[in-house]
Amino acid sequence: MVFWILVAVLVAGVTLAIVRPLMRPAEPAGAATDADVAVYKDQLKEITADEARGTLGAAEAESARAEIARRLLRVTQDNPKSTTAAEAAMRNRFIVPVSILTCIALPVVSLALYLDYGKPGMPAQPLSERLAEANATSTPNDLIAKVEQRLREHPEDGRGWDVIAPVYYAMGRYSDAADAYQKAIRLIGEDPKRLQGFANARIRMENGIVPDDARKALQRILVLNPNAIEPKIWLALAKEQDGHLTEAAVDYKDLISKAPADAPWRPVLVERLAKLDPQSAAAFANDKSAVKAPAAASGMPSGPEAGAVMNMKPEDRQAFITQMVDNLAARLKTDGSDANGWVKLIRAYQVLGRHDDAVKALNDARVSLKGNQGGLAQVEDLARQLGLGS
């Protein structure tokens, strides 16, 4: 009801604004002209009187008369056809019907248009509900675009850069991720997670080569957390890339000897060590725990079947493991409620060096296990162990 009262008041106001000028009676145009002529005649009389009294010279009086004559001529030329009183009366006769017609037509036409194009029965929707609906229908790219827009408007928002950096990394936008991590570190300070994220992004940008700025970040992590494993692995690899093979081999052996039996990165280090010190690598490879680790992490069968797999040729064994992992991924895509399956899949990808697939599997697991707090905790714990970020 309040809405329609407001509409009625609005229509009445608009109608009054349109009709009011029409309701003003017309006046004979000659009335204004006659008044002007009378004024000019009075001015001519005053000039004559001033000239007779001697207050105005003859030349000045003549000039004044000429100016008044020009004005009088202009007035008569501007109104060559003055409206007569009869014509004005005829016009005034049409004011009332035109005004009545306008007062009726304007509300009727406005109401018809509103009922046709408007939605008078649409319920009110508070701003909070509209925002919730917009967020529910937004795609990840839309949400990222909103965060990017905010960061363009507020580049000093360190928390915003810290939030979007791992998103960039997961999307494969490693340059943007490195830049975001760097800004977050500058604005809200260093911590192992941000430093590791920056180092990983820079290494990805260089296709596996550890650049100087990444090395500095990794060294800084070890200052903050001397027990961190991932920085030590990357720094050992950096020594190997620099040609310091003996130092790299010592680091690899130290990391392998201290690694848990099921550490997913242990087989990778044994493989790196085999290129530098085959004898030491063979000793580690003969360790039963080292043999079991990749099999369990890759989701391979146990018991006699596992022994048969380990006796395969390297290329056949790799193909078999890859097939097993792909089968596990296909099963989880159909039914993602198996938390243990997600743990095995993420570990397997990481062991096989498929880091991007591991990150994607982690994100998929978070979505599939959203209602399973226990399973989600398993996945998050694994993510922290593997250094896959948040």
Protein backbone atom coordinates (compact mmCIF):
# COMPACT_ATOMS: atom_id res chain seq x y z
CA MET A 1 0.00 0.00 0.00
CA VAL A 2 2.79 2.44 0.86
CA PHE A 3 4.35 1.80 -2.53
CA TRP A 4 1.17 2.72 -4.41
CA ILE A 5 0.70 5.87 -2.31
CA LEU A 6 4.22 6.95 -3.25
CA VAL A 7 3.50 6.21 -6.91
CA ALA A 8 0.30 8.30 -6.76
CA VAL A 9 2.15 11.24 -5.19
CA LEU A 10 4.89 11.02 -7.81
CA VAL A 11 2.40 10.94 -10.70
CA ALA A 12 0.48 13.89 -9.22
CA GLY A 13 3.67 15.91 -8.94
CA VAL A 14 4.68 15.21 -12.53
CA THR A 15 1.17 16.00 -13.77
CA LEU A 16 1.15 19.33 -11.93
CA ALA A 17 4.53 20.26 -13.37
CA ILE A 18 3.26 19.61 -16.92
CA VAL A 19 -0.23 21.12 -16.59
CA ARG A 20 0.59 24.26 -14.61
CA PRO A 21 2.06 26.21 -17.56
CA LEU A 22 -1.00 25.31 -19.66
CA MET A 23 -3.35 26.76 -17.04
CA ARG A 24 -1.86 30.24 -17.29
CA PRO A 25 -4.31 32.42 -19.33
CA ALA A 26 -3.06 33.95 -22.53
CA GLU A 27 -2.82 37.75 -22.70
CA PRO A 28 -3.15 39.91 -25.80
CA ALA A 29 0.33 40.46 -27.11
CA GLY A 30 -0.52 44.04 -27.99
CA ALA A 31 -0.87 44.96 -24.30
CA ALA A 32 2.84 44.63 -23.68
CA THR A 33 3.67 46.63 -26.83
CA ASP A 34 1.30 49.50 -25.94
CA ALA A 35 2.84 49.79 -22.50
CA ASP A 36 6.32 50.08 -24.03
CA VAL A 37 5.13 52.79 -26.45
CA ALA A 38 3.61 54.77 -23.57
CA VAL A 39 6.91 54.64 -21.67
CA TYR A 40 8.87 55.90 -24.65
CA LYS A 41 6.39 58.76 -25.20
CA ASP A 42 6.81 59.81 -21.59
CA GLN A 43 10.58 59.82 -22.08
CA LEU A 44 10.22 62.06 -25.16
CA LYS A 45 8.15 64.55 -23.12
CA GLU A 46 10.79 64.63 -20.39
CA ILE A 47 13.52 65.34 -22.97
CA THR A 48 11.47 68.29 -24.35
CA ALA A 49 10.94 69.65 -20.84
CA ASP A 50 14.67 69.38 -19.99
CA GLU A 51 15.56 71.15 -23.22
CA ALA A 52 13.10 73.99 -22.42
CA ARG A 53 14.61 74.41 -18.93
CA GLY A 54 18.08 74.54 -20.39
CA THR A 55 19.38 71.48 -18.50
CA LEU A 56 19.84 69.62 -21.76
CA GLY A 57 21.55 70.99 -24.83
CA ALA A 58 19.96 70.91 -28.26
CA ALA A 59 22.47 68.41 -29.63
CA GLU A 60 22.11 66.12 -26.62
CA ALA A 61 18.32 66.34 -26.78
CA GLU A 62 18.34 65.43 -30.46
CA SER A 63 20.63 62.44 -29.77
CA ALA A 64 18.33 61.20 -26.96
CA ARG A 65 15.25 61.51 -29.19
CA ALA A 66 16.99 59.50 -31.89
CA GLU A 67 17.88 56.70 -29.40
CA ILE A 68 14.27 56.51 -28.11
CA ALA A 69 12.99 56.45 -31.67
CA ARG A 70 15.26 53.49 -32.44
CA ARG A 71 13.98 51.59 -29.38
CA LEU A 72 10.38 52.35 -30.29
CA LEU A 73 10.97 51.12 -33.82
CA ARG A 74 12.55 47.90 -32.51
CA VAL A 75 9.54 47.17 -30.28
CA THR A 76 7.05 47.64 -33.08
CA GLN A 77 9.13 45.48 -35.47
CA ASP A 78 9.45 42.61 -32.93
CA ASN A 79 5.64 42.44 -32.58
CA PRO A 80 4.35 43.06 -36.11
CA LYS A 81 1.18 41.04 -35.50
CA SER A 82 -0.01 41.65 -32.00
CA THR A 83 -2.46 39.13 -30.61
CA THR A 84 -5.87 40.64 -30.21
CA ALA A 85 -8.05 40.19 -27.16
CA ALA A 86 -10.40 37.98 -29.19
CA GLU A 87 -7.57 35.64 -30.19
CA ALA A 88 -6.39 35.42 -26.56
CA ALA A 89 -9.90 34.56 -25.40
CA MET A 90 -10.16 31.82 -28.02
CA ARG A 91 -6.92 30.28 -26.76
CA ASN A 92 -8.06 30.40 -23.17
CA ARG A 93 -11.09 28.33 -24.08
CA PHE A 94 -8.83 25.33 -24.82
CA ILE A 95 -6.81 25.49 -21.57
CA VAL A 96 -9.38 23.70 -19.40
CA PRO A 97 -10.07 20.68 -21.69
CA VAL A 98 -6.37 20.21 -22.50
CA SER A 99 -5.47 20.31 -18.79
CA ILE A 100 -8.19 17.80 -17.90
CA LEU A 101 -7.13 15.48 -20.72
CA THR A 102 -3.47 15.63 -19.58
CA CYS A 103 -4.40 14.92 -15.95
CA ILE A 104 -6.27 11.79 -17.04
CA ALA A 105 -3.93 10.53 -19.76
CA LEU A 106 -0.63 10.85 -17.86
CA PRO A 107 -1.54 8.57 -14.91
CA VAL A 108 -3.32 6.06 -17.15
CA VAL A 109 -0.40 5.76 -19.59
CA SER A 110 2.17 5.61 -16.77
CA LEU A 111 0.25 2.87 -14.96
CA ALA A 112 -0.18 0.84 -18.16
CA LEU A 113 3.53 1.02 -18.95
CA TYR A 114 4.53 0.05 -15.40
CA LEU A 115 2.15 -2.93 -15.30
CA ASP A 116 3.51 -4.09 -18.66
CA TYR A 117 7.24 -3.64 -18.06
CA GLY A 118 7.53 -3.43 -14.27
CA LYS A 119 7.18 -6.06 -11.55
CA PRO A 120 4.81 -4.71 -8.89
CA GLY A 121 4.44 -8.11 -7.22
CA MET A 122 8.17 -8.74 -6.80
CA PRO A 123 9.05 -9.11 -3.08
CA ALA A 124 11.74 -6.99 -1.46
CA GLN A 125 15.23 -8.49 -1.35
CA PRO A 126 17.68 -7.15 1.25
CA LEU A 127 21.25 -6.34 0.20
CA SER A 128 22.66 -9.25 2.24
CA GLU A 129 20.49 -11.74 0.32
CA ARG A 130 21.50 -10.27 -3.03
CA LEU A 131 25.18 -10.47 -2.12
CA ALA A 132 24.77 -14.07 -0.95
CA GLU A 133 23.03 -14.98 -4.20
CA ALA A 134 25.76 -13.28 -6.25
CA ASN A 135 28.48 -15.21 -4.40
CA ALA A 136 26.61 -18.49 -4.83
CA THR A 137 26.44 -18.06 -8.60
CA SER A 138 29.98 -16.70 -8.97
CA THR A 139 32.60 -18.90 -10.62
CA PRO A 140 36.14 -19.22 -9.20
CA ASN A 141 37.35 -16.88 -11.93
CA ASP A 142 34.74 -14.31 -10.87
CA LEU A 143 35.90 -14.50 -7.27
CA ILE A 144 39.54 -14.18 -8.31
CA ALA A 145 38.65 -11.17 -10.44
CA LYS A 146 36.98 -9.54 -7.41
CA VAL A 147 40.08 -10.11 -5.28
CA GLU A 148 42.29 -8.73 -8.04
CA GLN A 149 40.08 -5.66 -8.37
CA ARG A 150 40.34 -5.04 -4.63
CA LEU A 151 44.11 -5.45 -4.72
CA ARG A 152 44.33 -2.94 -7.56
CA GLU A 153 42.39 -0.48 -5.40
CA HIS A 154 44.24 -1.40 -2.19
CA PRO A 155 47.74 -2.67 -3.13
CA GLU A 156 48.82 -2.33 0.51
CA ASP A 157 46.51 -5.21 1.55
CA GLY A 158 49.11 -7.81 2.50
CA ARG A 159 46.49 -10.35 3.61
CA GLY A 160 44.87 -10.16 0.20
CA TRP A 161 48.18 -10.93 -1.54
CA ASP A 162 48.76 -13.79 0.93
CA VAL A 163 45.35 -15.28 0.08
CA ILE A 164 45.61 -15.03 -3.70
CA ALA A 165 49.23 -16.21 -4.01
CA PRO A 166 48.54 -19.96 -3.50
CA VAL A 167 45.52 -19.65 -5.81
CA TYR A 168 47.77 -18.31 -8.57
CA TYR A 169 50.20 -21.17 -7.91
CA ALA A 170 47.47 -23.81 -8.14
CA MET A 171 46.34 -22.27 -11.45
CA GLY A 172 49.86 -22.49 -12.88
CA ARG A 173 50.29 -18.70 -12.89
CA TYR A 174 53.73 -18.97 -11.30
CA SER A 175 54.91 -15.46 -12.15
CA ASP A 176 51.82 -13.92 -10.54
CA ALA A 177 52.19 -16.26 -7.56
CA ALA A 178 55.83 -15.25 -7.00
CA ASP A 179 54.90 -11.57 -7.22
CA ALA A 180 51.99 -12.02 -4.79
CA TYR A 181 54.12 -13.94 -2.29
CA GLN A 182 56.82 -11.28 -2.51
CA LYS A 183 54.32 -8.49 -1.79
CA ALA A 184 52.80 -10.43 1.11
CA ILE A 185 56.25 -10.95 2.62
CA ARG A 186 57.07 -7.26 2.26
CA LEU A 187 53.75 -6.08 3.74
CA ILE A 188 53.02 -8.55 6.56
CA GLY A 189 56.38 -10.19 7.15
CA GLU A 190 58.23 -13.44 6.56
CA ASP A 191 57.09 -16.86 7.58
CA PRO A 192 58.13 -20.32 6.32
CA LYS A 193 54.91 -20.82 4.38
CA ARG A 194 55.21 -17.58 2.37
CA LEU A 195 58.93 -18.03 1.79
CA GLN A 196 58.41 -21.62 0.60
CA GLY A 197 55.58 -20.53 -1.66
CA PHE A 198 57.76 -17.83 -3.21
CA ALA A 199 60.65 -20.27 -3.70
CA ASN A 200 58.39 -22.92 -5.29
CA ALA A 201 56.88 -20.38 -7.68
CA ARG A 202 60.30 -19.09 -8.76
CA ILE A 203 61.58 -22.65 -9.28
CA ARG A 204 58.53 -23.45 -11.41
CA MET A 205 59.14 -20.31 -13.45
CA GLU A 206 62.70 -21.53 -14.14
CA ASN A 207 61.53 -25.06 -15.06
CA GLY A 208 63.13 -26.74 -12.06
CA ILE A 209 66.27 -24.59 -11.81
CA VAL A 210 66.72 -23.05 -8.36
CA PRO A 211 67.45 -19.31 -8.92
CA ASP A 212 69.34 -17.09 -6.47
CA ASP A 213 66.28 -15.36 -5.00
CA ALA A 214 64.67 -18.75 -4.35
CA ARG A 215 67.86 -19.96 -2.61
CA LYS A 216 67.86 -16.94 -0.33
CA ALA A 217 64.22 -17.62 0.58
CA LEU A 218 65.02 -21.29 1.29
CA GLN A 219 67.99 -20.37 3.47
CA ARG A 220 65.79 -17.91 5.35
CA ILE A 221 63.27 -20.71 6.03
CA LEU A 222 66.01 -22.78 7.67
CA VAL A 223 66.83 -19.84 9.93
CA LEU A 224 63.19 -19.67 11.02
CA ASN A 225 62.66 -23.44 11.10
CA PRO A 226 65.89 -25.51 11.11
CA ASN A 227 63.92 -28.79 10.96
CA ALA A 228 62.18 -28.00 7.65
CA ILE A 229 62.89 -30.71 5.06
CA GLU A 230 61.74 -29.22 1.76
CA PRO A 231 64.20 -26.28 1.79
CA LYS A 232 67.08 -28.72 2.43
CA ILE A 233 66.02 -30.84 -0.55
CA TRP A 234 65.89 -27.85 -2.88
CA LEU A 235 69.22 -26.47 -1.63
CA ALA A 236 70.85 -29.87 -2.18
CA LEU A 237 69.47 -29.89 -5.70
CA ALA A 238 70.81 -26.35 -6.20
CA LYS A 239 74.31 -27.58 -5.28
CA GLU A 240 73.98 -30.36 -7.85
CA GLN A 241 72.88 -27.84 -10.48
CA ASP A 242 75.92 -25.67 -9.65
CA GLY A 243 78.25 -28.63 -10.19
CA HIS A 244 79.07 -29.13 -6.49
CA LEU A 245 78.36 -32.83 -6.81
CA THR A 246 80.21 -34.04 -3.72
CA GLU A 247 78.40 -31.57 -1.46
CA ALA A 248 75.07 -32.43 -3.05
CA ALA A 249 75.69 -36.17 -2.51
CA VAL A 250 76.52 -35.57 1.17
CA ASP A 251 73.27 -33.63 1.60
CA TYR A 252 71.26 -36.31 -0.20
CA LYS A 253 72.72 -39.08 2.02
CA ASP A 254 72.04 -37.09 5.16
CA LEU A 255 68.42 -36.45 4.15
CA ILE A 256 67.82 -40.09 3.14
CA SER A 257 69.34 -41.49 6.32
CA LYS A 258 67.10 -39.29 8.48
CA ALA A 259 63.95 -39.77 6.39
CA PRO A 260 61.03 -41.85 7.69
CA ALA A 261 60.55 -45.17 5.94
CA ASP A 262 57.37 -43.98 4.24
CA ALA A 263 58.59 -40.49 3.31
CA PRO A 264 57.27 -39.87 -0.22
CA TRP A 265 60.35 -37.90 -1.26
CA ARG A 266 62.86 -40.57 -0.19
CA PRO A 267 62.79 -42.59 -3.45
CA VAL A 268 63.33 -39.37 -5.40
CA LEU A 269 66.46 -38.55 -3.39
CA VAL A 270 67.77 -42.10 -3.78
CA GLU A 271 67.37 -41.69 -7.54
CA ARG A 272 69.25 -38.36 -7.47
CA LEU A 273 71.99 -39.89 -5.33
CA ALA A 274 72.36 -42.81 -7.74
CA LYS A 275 73.64 -40.37 -10.37
CA LEU A 276 76.27 -38.96 -8.01
CA ASP A 277 77.24 -41.89 -5.75
CA PRO A 278 75.89 -45.20 -7.11
CA GLN A 279 77.38 -47.28 -4.27
CA SER A 280 75.68 -45.28 -1.52
CA ALA A 281 72.45 -45.19 -3.51
CA ALA A 282 72.52 -48.98 -3.90
CA ALA A 283 72.85 -49.38 -0.14
CA PHE A 284 69.82 -47.21 0.44
CA ALA A 285 67.89 -48.94 -2.36
CA ASN A 286 68.48 -52.35 -0.74
CA ASP A 287 66.89 -51.09 2.47
CA LYS A 288 63.50 -52.82 2.74
CA SER A 289 61.81 -49.74 4.08
CA ALA A 290 63.01 -47.79 1.07
CA VAL A 291 61.54 -50.43 -1.26
CA LYS A 292 58.19 -50.45 0.50
CA ALA A 293 57.75 -46.72 0.60
CA PRO A 294 57.14 -46.05 -3.09
CA ALA A 295 54.93 -49.09 -3.41
CA ALA A 296 52.66 -48.03 -0.56
CA ALA A 297 52.63 -44.41 -1.62
CA SER A 298 51.71 -45.29 -5.17
CA GLY A 299 48.79 -47.46 -4.19
CA MET A 300 50.48 -50.64 -5.48
CA PRO A 301 49.34 -54.07 -4.30
CA SER A 302 51.13 -55.67 -1.35
CA GLY A 303 52.33 -59.21 -0.74
CA PRO A 304 53.46 -61.47 -3.63
CA GLU A 305 52.02 -59.11 -6.24
CA ALA A 306 54.21 -56.31 -4.95
CA GLY A 307 57.28 -58.56 -5.27
CA ALA A 308 56.35 -59.35 -8.85
CA VAL A 309 56.02 -55.67 -9.62
CA MET A 310 59.43 -54.87 -8.14
CA ASN A 311 60.98 -57.60 -10.35
CA MET A 312 59.67 -55.95 -13.52
CA LYS A 313 61.87 -53.99 -15.87
CA PRO A 314 62.09 -50.33 -14.79
CA GLU A 315 60.02 -49.09 -17.73
CA ASP A 316 57.36 -51.80 -17.21
CA ARG A 317 57.23 -51.10 -13.50
CA GLN A 318 56.81 -47.37 -14.14
CA ALA A 319 53.99 -48.01 -16.63
CA PHE A 320 52.27 -50.34 -14.16
CA ILE A 321 52.50 -47.82 -11.31
CA THR A 322 51.21 -45.03 -13.55
CA GLN A 323 48.26 -47.19 -14.59
CA MET A 324 47.46 -48.00 -10.97
CA VAL A 325 47.54 -44.31 -10.05
CA ASP A 326 45.33 -43.36 -13.01
CA ASN A 327 42.83 -46.08 -12.03
CA LEU A 328 42.74 -44.74 -8.48
CA ALA A 329 42.17 -41.21 -9.78
CA ALA A 330 39.32 -42.40 -12.01
CA ARG A 331 37.67 -44.20 -9.09
CA LEU A 332 37.89 -41.14 -6.85
CA LYS A 333 36.45 -38.99 -9.60
CA THR A 334 33.37 -41.20 -9.55
CA ASP A 335 33.21 -41.58 -5.75
CA GLY A 336 35.21 -39.00 -3.83
CA SER A 337 34.17 -40.09 -0.33
CA ASP A 338 37.23 -42.33 0.20
CA ALA A 339 39.62 -40.24 2.34
CA ASN A 340 42.32 -42.94 2.34
CA GLY A 341 42.12 -43.11 -1.42
CA TRP A 342 42.75 -39.37 -1.69
CA VAL A 343 45.74 -39.67 0.64
CA LYS A 344 47.20 -42.46 -1.51
CA LEU A 345 46.57 -40.53 -4.74
CA ILE A 346 48.18 -37.32 -3.49
CA ARG A 347 51.21 -39.23 -2.19
CA ALA A 348 51.52 -41.14 -5.44
CA TYR A 349 51.48 -37.99 -7.57
CA GLN A 350 54.14 -36.42 -5.37
CA VAL A 351 56.38 -39.51 -5.53
CA LEU A 352 56.02 -39.64 -9.32
CA GLY A 353 57.05 -36.00 -9.55
CA ARG A 354 53.62 -34.88 -10.77
CA HIS A 355 53.39 -31.92 -8.44
CA ASP A 356 50.63 -30.10 -10.34
CA ASP A 357 48.48 -33.23 -10.29
CA ALA A 358 49.11 -33.57 -6.55
CA VAL A 359 47.93 -29.99 -5.95
CA LYS A 360 44.85 -30.56 -8.11
CA ALA A 361 44.06 -33.82 -6.29
CA LEU A 362 44.42 -31.98 -2.97
CA ASN A 363 41.91 -29.32 -4.06
CA ASP A 364 39.51 -31.98 -5.38
CA ALA A 365 39.80 -33.89 -2.09
CA ARG A 366 38.92 -30.76 -0.11
CA VAL A 367 35.76 -30.35 -2.16
CA SER A 368 34.76 -34.03 -2.04
CA LEU A 369 35.43 -34.40 1.71
CA LYS A 370 33.84 -31.14 2.79
CA GLY A 371 31.33 -32.99 4.97
CA ASN A 372 33.87 -35.53 6.31
CA GLN A 373 35.86 -33.74 9.00
CA GLY A 374 38.01 -36.76 9.84
CA GLY A 375 38.93 -37.47 6.24
CA LEU A 376 39.55 -33.79 5.58
CA ALA A 377 41.92 -33.67 8.56
CA GLN A 378 43.89 -36.60 7.06
CA VAL A 379 44.23 -34.79 3.75
CA GLU A 380 45.24 -31.49 5.37
CA ASP A 381 47.87 -33.25 7.51
CA LEU A 382 49.32 -34.87 4.39
CA ALA A 383 49.36 -31.50 2.62
CA ARG A 384 51.43 -30.04 5.45
CA GLN A 385 53.84 -32.98 5.36
CA LEU A 386 54.35 -32.67 1.61
CA GLY A 387 54.55 -28.88 1.65
CA LEU A 388 51.69 -28.51 -0.82
CA GLY A 389 50.52 -25.26 0.76
CA SER A 390 47.04 -24.24 1.89
